[in-house]
Amino acid sequence: MTSVNPDLQLNHTPGHVKHDGHNMTGFRDLPLLRERDLPGLSRRLRGAQAHGPQWLPDGVAGLEVRMPLINTVVLVSSSFMAYFAERYLHQRNLWGFRAVWLLTMAMGSYFVYGQYVEWSELTFSLGSGVFGGMFYLLTGFHGLHVITGILLMGLMLARSFRPGNYDKGEMGVASVSLFWHFVDVIWIILFLLIYVWQ
């Protein structure tokens, strides 16, 4: 029986380079590509607002900002909690990590619940003009990303109960945390575009 050299195993495709550690370059650059498109989105929104037949749906003078602002504060604060959870894990304090990571998940869940409450009280729909379509698509896709982040955090939390799971590194937690920070930054931009700049 032939044994496979582990050093050669990673170089199975032409041009593939063996990495000494985990490489997050692609994961890090994907949000940058999306953020690059935000100025274009902002220009399109301004154009639709200025030249469209009517920006806000009939009967809507503007959106309530108080509840979304509370949700925004909770979501942005959850990013700080994710950072503190990472610090606990880096110090090998698994119980501190689990507690703060769970708090981060709860804060994300509160945000999703707040979005649900807001959507249920709105008097316009996805088909209510440009603003209605943009509002539901942008907040809906963002909400799906928040739910995805919560599920990924749940997976990392479950993995923390496996003995020795983080002995070789914390790549999964770092990746999920980076994703969470990205989702938070995108929400700040969406909040400004949708709620503040109506």
C-alpha atoms as a PDB file:
ATOM      1  CA  MET A   1       0.000   0.000   0.000  1.00  0.00           C
ATOM      2  CA  THR A   2       1.310   3.412  -0.911  1.00  0.00           C
ATOM      3  CA  SER A   3       1.369   6.155   1.698  1.00  0.00           C
ATOM      4  CA  VAL A   4       0.660   9.752   0.756  1.00  0.00           C
ATOM      5  CA  ASN A   5       3.004  12.487   1.854  1.00  0.00           C
ATOM      6  CA  PRO A   6       0.841  15.089   3.701  1.00  0.00           C
ATOM      7  CA  ASP A   7       2.927  17.935   2.233  1.00  0.00           C
ATOM      8  CA  LEU A   8       2.083  16.786  -1.287  1.00  0.00           C
ATOM      9  CA  GLN A   9      -1.567  16.184  -0.515  1.00  0.00           C
ATOM     10  CA  LEU A  10      -2.380  19.918  -0.450  1.00  0.00           C
ATOM     11  CA  ASN A  11      -0.620  20.542  -3.785  1.00  0.00           C
ATOM     12  CA  HIS A  12      -2.937  18.321  -5.812  1.00  0.00           C
ATOM     13  CA  THR A  13      -3.864  20.980  -8.369  1.00  0.00           C
ATOM     14  CA  PRO A  14      -1.490  22.980 -10.546  1.00  0.00           C
ATOM     15  CA  GLY A  15      -0.763  26.408  -9.135  1.00  0.00           C
ATOM     16  CA  HIS A  16      -2.030  25.563  -5.651  1.00  0.00           C
ATOM     17  CA  VAL A  17       0.328  26.820  -2.975  1.00  0.00           C
ATOM     18  CA  LYS A  18       0.517  25.244   0.449  1.00  0.00           C
ATOM     19  CA  HIS A  19      -0.332  27.745   3.186  1.00  0.00           C
ATOM     20  CA  ASP A  20       1.386  27.675   6.532  1.00  0.00           C
ATOM     21  CA  GLY A  21      -1.806  28.717   8.268  1.00  0.00           C
ATOM     22  CA  HIS A  22      -5.340  29.512   7.363  1.00  0.00           C
ATOM     23  CA  ASN A  23      -5.808  32.200   4.762  1.00  0.00           C
ATOM     24  CA  MET A  24      -8.801  34.521   5.054  1.00  0.00           C
ATOM     25  CA  THR A  25      -7.905  36.744   2.083  1.00  0.00           C
ATOM     26  CA  GLY A  26     -10.895  35.766  -0.039  1.00  0.00           C
ATOM     27  CA  PHE A  27     -13.276  35.907   2.890  1.00  0.00           C
ATOM     28  CA  ARG A  28     -11.919  39.328   3.829  1.00  0.00           C
ATOM     29  CA  ASP A  29     -12.046  40.716   0.270  1.00  0.00           C
ATOM     30  CA  LEU A  30     -15.642  39.659  -0.513  1.00  0.00           C
ATOM     31  CA  PRO A  31     -17.159  42.313   1.783  1.00  0.00           C
ATOM     32  CA  LEU A  32     -14.862  44.915   0.227  1.00  0.00           C
ATOM     33  CA  LEU A  33     -16.232  44.075  -3.203  1.00  0.00           C
ATOM     34  CA  ARG A  34     -19.777  44.508  -1.949  1.00  0.00           C
ATOM     35  CA  GLU A  35     -18.925  47.769  -0.152  1.00  0.00           C
ATOM     36  CA  ARG A  36     -17.483  49.069  -3.412  1.00  0.00           C
ATOM     37  CA  ASP A  37     -20.954  48.782  -4.938  1.00  0.00           C
ATOM     38  CA  LEU A  38     -22.653  50.831  -2.182  1.00  0.00           C
ATOM     39  CA  PRO A  39     -21.836  54.269  -3.673  1.00  0.00           C
ATOM     40  CA  GLY A  40     -23.526  53.127  -6.897  1.00  0.00           C
ATOM     41  CA  LEU A  41     -26.550  51.973  -4.907  1.00  0.00           C
ATOM     42  CA  SER A  42     -26.643  55.320  -3.133  1.00  0.00           C
ATOM     43  CA  ARG A  43     -26.564  57.174  -6.485  1.00  0.00           C
ATOM     44  CA  ARG A  44     -29.369  54.987  -7.848  1.00  0.00           C
ATOM     45  CA  LEU A  45     -31.482  55.599  -4.741  1.00  0.00           C
ATOM     46  CA  ARG A  46     -30.931  59.373  -5.001  1.00  0.00           C
ATOM     47  CA  GLY A  47     -31.819  59.262  -8.683  1.00  0.00           C
ATOM     48  CA  ALA A  48     -35.004  57.298  -8.011  1.00  0.00           C
ATOM     49  CA  GLN A  49     -35.922  59.670  -5.206  1.00  0.00           C
ATOM     50  CA  ALA A  50     -35.309  62.821  -7.257  1.00  0.00           C
ATOM     51  CA  HIS A  51     -36.704  61.723 -10.621  1.00  0.00           C
ATOM     52  CA  GLY A  52     -39.201  59.018  -9.767  1.00  0.00           C
ATOM     53  CA  PRO A  53     -42.925  59.674  -9.891  1.00  0.00           C
ATOM     54  CA  GLN A  54     -43.272  59.352  -6.124  1.00  0.00           C
ATOM     55  CA  TRP A  55     -40.575  58.137  -3.764  1.00  0.00           C
ATOM     56  CA  LEU A  56     -42.623  57.079  -0.731  1.00  0.00           C
ATOM     57  CA  PRO A  57     -45.723  54.914  -1.143  1.00  0.00           C
ATOM     58  CA  ASP A  58     -49.151  56.538  -0.979  1.00  0.00           C
ATOM     59  CA  GLY A  59     -50.190  57.414   2.561  1.00  0.00           C
ATOM     60  CA  VAL A  60     -46.650  57.104   3.954  1.00  0.00           C
ATOM     61  CA  ALA A  61     -45.069  60.362   5.109  1.00  0.00           C
ATOM     62  CA  GLY A  62     -41.926  58.648   6.395  1.00  0.00           C
ATOM     63  CA  LEU A  63     -40.678  55.734   8.416  1.00  0.00           C
ATOM     64  CA  GLU A  64     -40.601  55.603  12.179  1.00  0.00           C
ATOM     65  CA  VAL A  65     -36.956  55.790  13.249  1.00  0.00           C
ATOM     66  CA  ARG A  66     -37.141  55.030  16.998  1.00  0.00           C
ATOM     67  CA  MET A  67     -37.522  51.227  16.880  1.00  0.00           C
ATOM     68  CA  PRO A  68     -35.026  50.736  14.005  1.00  0.00           C
ATOM     69  CA  LEU A  69     -32.558  52.944  15.896  1.00  0.00           C
ATOM     70  CA  ILE A  70     -32.883  50.731  18.980  1.00  0.00           C
ATOM     71  CA  ASN A  71     -32.368  47.664  16.759  1.00  0.00           C
ATOM     72  CA  THR A  72     -29.306  49.328  15.225  1.00  0.00           C
ATOM     73  CA  VAL A  73     -27.773  50.033  18.638  1.00  0.00           C
ATOM     74  CA  VAL A  74     -28.401  46.416  19.673  1.00  0.00           C
ATOM     75  CA  LEU A  75     -26.881  45.022  16.451  1.00  0.00           C
ATOM     76  CA  VAL A  76     -23.802  47.266  16.591  1.00  0.00           C
ATOM     77  CA  SER A  77     -23.342  46.431  20.275  1.00  0.00           C
ATOM     78  CA  SER A  78     -23.466  42.741  19.365  1.00  0.00           C
ATOM     79  CA  SER A  79     -20.359  43.301  17.248  1.00  0.00           C
ATOM     80  CA  PHE A  80     -18.499  44.404  20.376  1.00  0.00           C
ATOM     81  CA  MET A  81     -19.787  41.314  22.185  1.00  0.00           C
ATOM     82  CA  ALA A  82     -18.468  39.103  19.362  1.00  0.00           C
ATOM     83  CA  TYR A  83     -15.074  40.767  19.763  1.00  0.00           C
ATOM     84  CA  PHE A  84     -15.068  40.136  23.525  1.00  0.00           C
ATOM     85  CA  ALA A  85     -16.115  36.516  22.956  1.00  0.00           C
ATOM     86  CA  GLU A  86     -13.155  36.088  20.609  1.00  0.00           C
ATOM     87  CA  ARG A  87     -10.845  37.528  23.268  1.00  0.00           C
ATOM     88  CA  TYR A  88     -12.168  35.019  25.823  1.00  0.00           C
ATOM     89  CA  LEU A  89     -11.563  32.174  23.381  1.00  0.00           C
ATOM     90  CA  HIS A  90      -8.066  33.433  22.626  1.00  0.00           C
ATOM     91  CA  GLN A  91      -7.360  33.350  26.379  1.00  0.00           C
ATOM     92  CA  ARG A  92      -8.734  29.757  26.461  1.00  0.00           C
ATOM     93  CA  ASN A  93     -11.637  30.796  28.698  1.00  0.00           C
ATOM     94  CA  LEU A  94     -14.313  28.612  27.080  1.00  0.00           C
ATOM     95  CA  TRP A  95     -17.077  29.462  29.547  1.00  0.00           C
ATOM     96  CA  GLY A  96     -16.493  33.191  29.061  1.00  0.00           C
ATOM     97  CA  PHE A  97     -16.510  32.637  25.294  1.00  0.00           C
ATOM     98  CA  ARG A  98     -19.731  30.630  25.423  1.00  0.00           C
ATOM     99  CA  ALA A  99     -21.543  33.164  27.628  1.00  0.00           C
ATOM    100  CA  VAL A 100     -20.606  36.223  25.567  1.00  0.00           C
ATOM    101  CA  TRP A 101     -21.072  34.378  22.238  1.00  0.00           C
ATOM    102  CA  LEU A 102     -24.554  33.347  23.375  1.00  0.00           C
ATOM    103  CA  LEU A 103     -25.279  36.969  24.328  1.00  0.00           C
ATOM    104  CA  THR A 104     -24.185  38.009  20.818  1.00  0.00           C
ATOM    105  CA  MET A 105     -26.596  35.460  19.348  1.00  0.00           C
ATOM    106  CA  ALA A 106     -29.399  36.762  21.582  1.00  0.00           C
ATOM    107  CA  MET A 107     -28.721  40.333  20.454  1.00  0.00           C
ATOM    108  CA  GLY A 108     -28.832  39.241  16.799  1.00  0.00           C
ATOM    109  CA  SER A 109     -32.097  37.412  17.480  1.00  0.00           C
ATOM    110  CA  TYR A 110     -33.520  40.545  19.085  1.00  0.00           C
ATOM    111  CA  PHE A 111     -32.615  42.471  15.928  1.00  0.00           C
ATOM    112  CA  VAL A 112     -34.415  39.920  13.727  1.00  0.00           C
ATOM    113  CA  TYR A 113     -37.455  40.035  16.019  1.00  0.00           C
ATOM    114  CA  GLY A 114     -37.411  43.836  15.863  1.00  0.00           C
ATOM    115  CA  GLN A 115     -37.388  43.669  12.062  1.00  0.00           C
ATOM    116  CA  TYR A 116     -40.342  41.279  12.159  1.00  0.00           C
ATOM    117  CA  VAL A 117     -42.289  43.650  14.426  1.00  0.00           C
ATOM    118  CA  GLU A 118     -41.487  46.584  12.155  1.00  0.00           C
ATOM    119  CA  TRP A 119     -42.496  44.719   9.000  1.00  0.00           C
ATOM    120  CA  SER A 120     -45.783  43.620  10.591  1.00  0.00           C
ATOM    121  CA  GLU A 121     -46.710  47.233  11.375  1.00  0.00           C
ATOM    122  CA  LEU A 122     -45.887  48.753   7.974  1.00  0.00           C
ATOM    123  CA  THR A 123     -48.703  49.957   5.730  1.00  0.00           C
ATOM    124  CA  PHE A 124     -46.904  49.320   2.440  1.00  0.00           C
ATOM    125  CA  SER A 125     -45.660  46.201   0.677  1.00  0.00           C
ATOM    126  CA  LEU A 126     -42.946  44.992  -1.668  1.00  0.00           C
ATOM    127  CA  GLY A 127     -45.031  46.130  -4.631  1.00  0.00           C
ATOM    128  CA  SER A 128     -45.613  49.651  -3.278  1.00  0.00           C
ATOM    129  CA  GLY A 129     -43.391  51.548  -5.682  1.00  0.00           C
ATOM    130  CA  VAL A 130     -39.651  51.984  -5.764  1.00  0.00           C
ATOM    131  CA  PHE A 131     -39.298  52.691  -2.065  1.00  0.00           C
ATOM    132  CA  GLY A 132     -41.393  49.680  -1.012  1.00  0.00           C
ATOM    133  CA  GLY A 133     -39.414  47.359  -3.273  1.00  0.00           C
ATOM    134  CA  MET A 134     -36.052  48.713  -2.183  1.00  0.00           C
ATOM    135  CA  PHE A 135     -37.032  48.697   1.497  1.00  0.00           C
ATOM    136  CA  TYR A 136     -38.179  45.080   1.601  1.00  0.00           C
ATOM    137  CA  LEU A 137     -35.387  43.738  -0.609  1.00  0.00           C
ATOM    138  CA  LEU A 138     -32.574  45.504   1.245  1.00  0.00           C
ATOM    139  CA  THR A 139     -33.846  44.854   4.768  1.00  0.00           C
ATOM    140  CA  GLY A 140     -34.966  41.336   3.849  1.00  0.00           C
ATOM    141  CA  PHE A 141     -31.619  40.281   2.389  1.00  0.00           C
ATOM    142  CA  HIS A 142     -29.847  41.852   5.323  1.00  0.00           C
ATOM    143  CA  GLY A 143     -32.147  39.979   7.708  1.00  0.00           C
ATOM    144  CA  LEU A 144     -31.266  36.705   5.947  1.00  0.00           C
ATOM    145  CA  HIS A 145     -27.586  37.484   6.501  1.00  0.00           C
ATOM    146  CA  VAL A 146     -28.229  38.158  10.189  1.00  0.00           C
ATOM    147  CA  ILE A 147     -30.078  34.833  10.505  1.00  0.00           C
ATOM    148  CA  THR A 148     -27.189  33.106   8.710  1.00  0.00           C
ATOM    149  CA  GLY A 149     -24.760  34.718  11.163  1.00  0.00           C
ATOM    150  CA  ILE A 150     -26.808  33.532  14.136  1.00  0.00           C
ATOM    151  CA  LEU A 151     -26.880  29.975  12.758  1.00  0.00           C
ATOM    152  CA  LEU A 152     -23.116  30.025  12.152  1.00  0.00           C
ATOM    153  CA  MET A 153     -22.594  31.314  15.692  1.00  0.00           C
ATOM    154  CA  GLY A 154     -24.734  28.450  16.966  1.00  0.00           C
ATOM    155  CA  LEU A 155     -22.502  26.027  15.095  1.00  0.00           C
ATOM    156  CA  MET A 156     -19.368  27.587  16.624  1.00  0.00           C
ATOM    157  CA  LEU A 157     -20.983  27.474  20.060  1.00  0.00           C
ATOM    158  CA  ALA A 158     -21.801  23.775  19.648  1.00  0.00           C
ATOM    159  CA  ARG A 159     -18.238  23.084  18.471  1.00  0.00           C
ATOM    160  CA  SER A 160     -16.899  24.727  21.636  1.00  0.00           C
ATOM    161  CA  PHE A 161     -18.228  21.753  23.611  1.00  0.00           C
ATOM    162  CA  ARG A 162     -16.042  19.288  21.707  1.00  0.00           C
ATOM    163  CA  PRO A 163     -12.898  18.644  23.750  1.00  0.00           C
ATOM    164  CA  GLY A 164      -9.787  20.091  22.123  1.00  0.00           C
ATOM    165  CA  ASN A 165     -11.716  21.673  19.253  1.00  0.00           C
ATOM    166  CA  TYR A 166      -9.832  24.968  19.433  1.00  0.00           C
ATOM    167  CA  ASP A 167      -6.382  23.545  20.239  1.00  0.00           C
ATOM    168  CA  LYS A 168      -5.160  24.134  16.677  1.00  0.00           C
ATOM    169  CA  GLY A 169      -6.711  27.555  16.210  1.00  0.00           C
ATOM    170  CA  GLU A 170      -9.916  29.530  16.171  1.00  0.00           C
ATOM    171  CA  MET A 171     -10.390  29.990  12.425  1.00  0.00           C
ATOM    172  CA  GLY A 172     -14.111  29.200  12.414  1.00  0.00           C
ATOM    173  CA  VAL A 173     -14.890  31.676  15.177  1.00  0.00           C
ATOM    174  CA  ALA A 174     -12.703  34.339  13.538  1.00  0.00           C
ATOM    175  CA  SER A 175     -14.477  33.841  10.194  1.00  0.00           C
ATOM    176  CA  VAL A 176     -17.958  33.989  11.719  1.00  0.00           C
ATOM    177  CA  SER A 177     -16.979  37.044  13.731  1.00  0.00           C
ATOM    178  CA  LEU A 178     -15.667  38.776  10.595  1.00  0.00           C
ATOM    179  CA  PHE A 179     -18.924  37.938   8.815  1.00  0.00           C
ATOM    180  CA  TRP A 180     -20.868  39.384  11.769  1.00  0.00           C
ATOM    181  CA  HIS A 181     -18.875  42.637  11.730  1.00  0.00           C
ATOM    182  CA  PHE A 182     -19.496  42.937   7.988  1.00  0.00           C
ATOM    183  CA  VAL A 183     -23.250  42.432   8.474  1.00  0.00           C
ATOM    184  CA  ASP A 184     -23.216  45.149  11.149  1.00  0.00           C
ATOM    185  CA  VAL A 185     -21.371  47.653   8.943  1.00  0.00           C
ATOM    186  CA  ILE A 186     -23.759  47.008   6.062  1.00  0.00           C
ATOM    187  CA  TRP A 187     -26.717  47.601   8.406  1.00  0.00           C
ATOM    188  CA  ILE A 188     -25.320  50.979   9.482  1.00  0.00           C
ATOM    189  CA  ILE A 189     -25.149  52.002   5.814  1.00  0.00           C
ATOM    190  CA  LEU A 190     -28.654  50.664   5.126  1.00  0.00           C
ATOM    191  CA  PHE A 191     -30.018  52.413   8.219  1.00  0.00           C
ATOM    192  CA  LEU A 192     -28.599  55.724   7.016  1.00  0.00           C
ATOM    193  CA  LEU A 193     -29.898  55.224   3.464  1.00  0.00           C
ATOM    194  CA  ILE A 194     -33.370  53.976   4.382  1.00  0.00           C
ATOM    195  CA  TYR A 195     -34.311  55.580   7.694  1.00  0.00           C
ATOM    196  CA  VAL A 196     -32.260  58.735   8.056  1.00  0.00           C
ATOM    197  CA  TRP A 197     -32.084  59.810   4.429  1.00  0.00           C
ATOM    198  CA  GLN A 198     -35.714  59.298   3.384  1.00  0.00           C
END
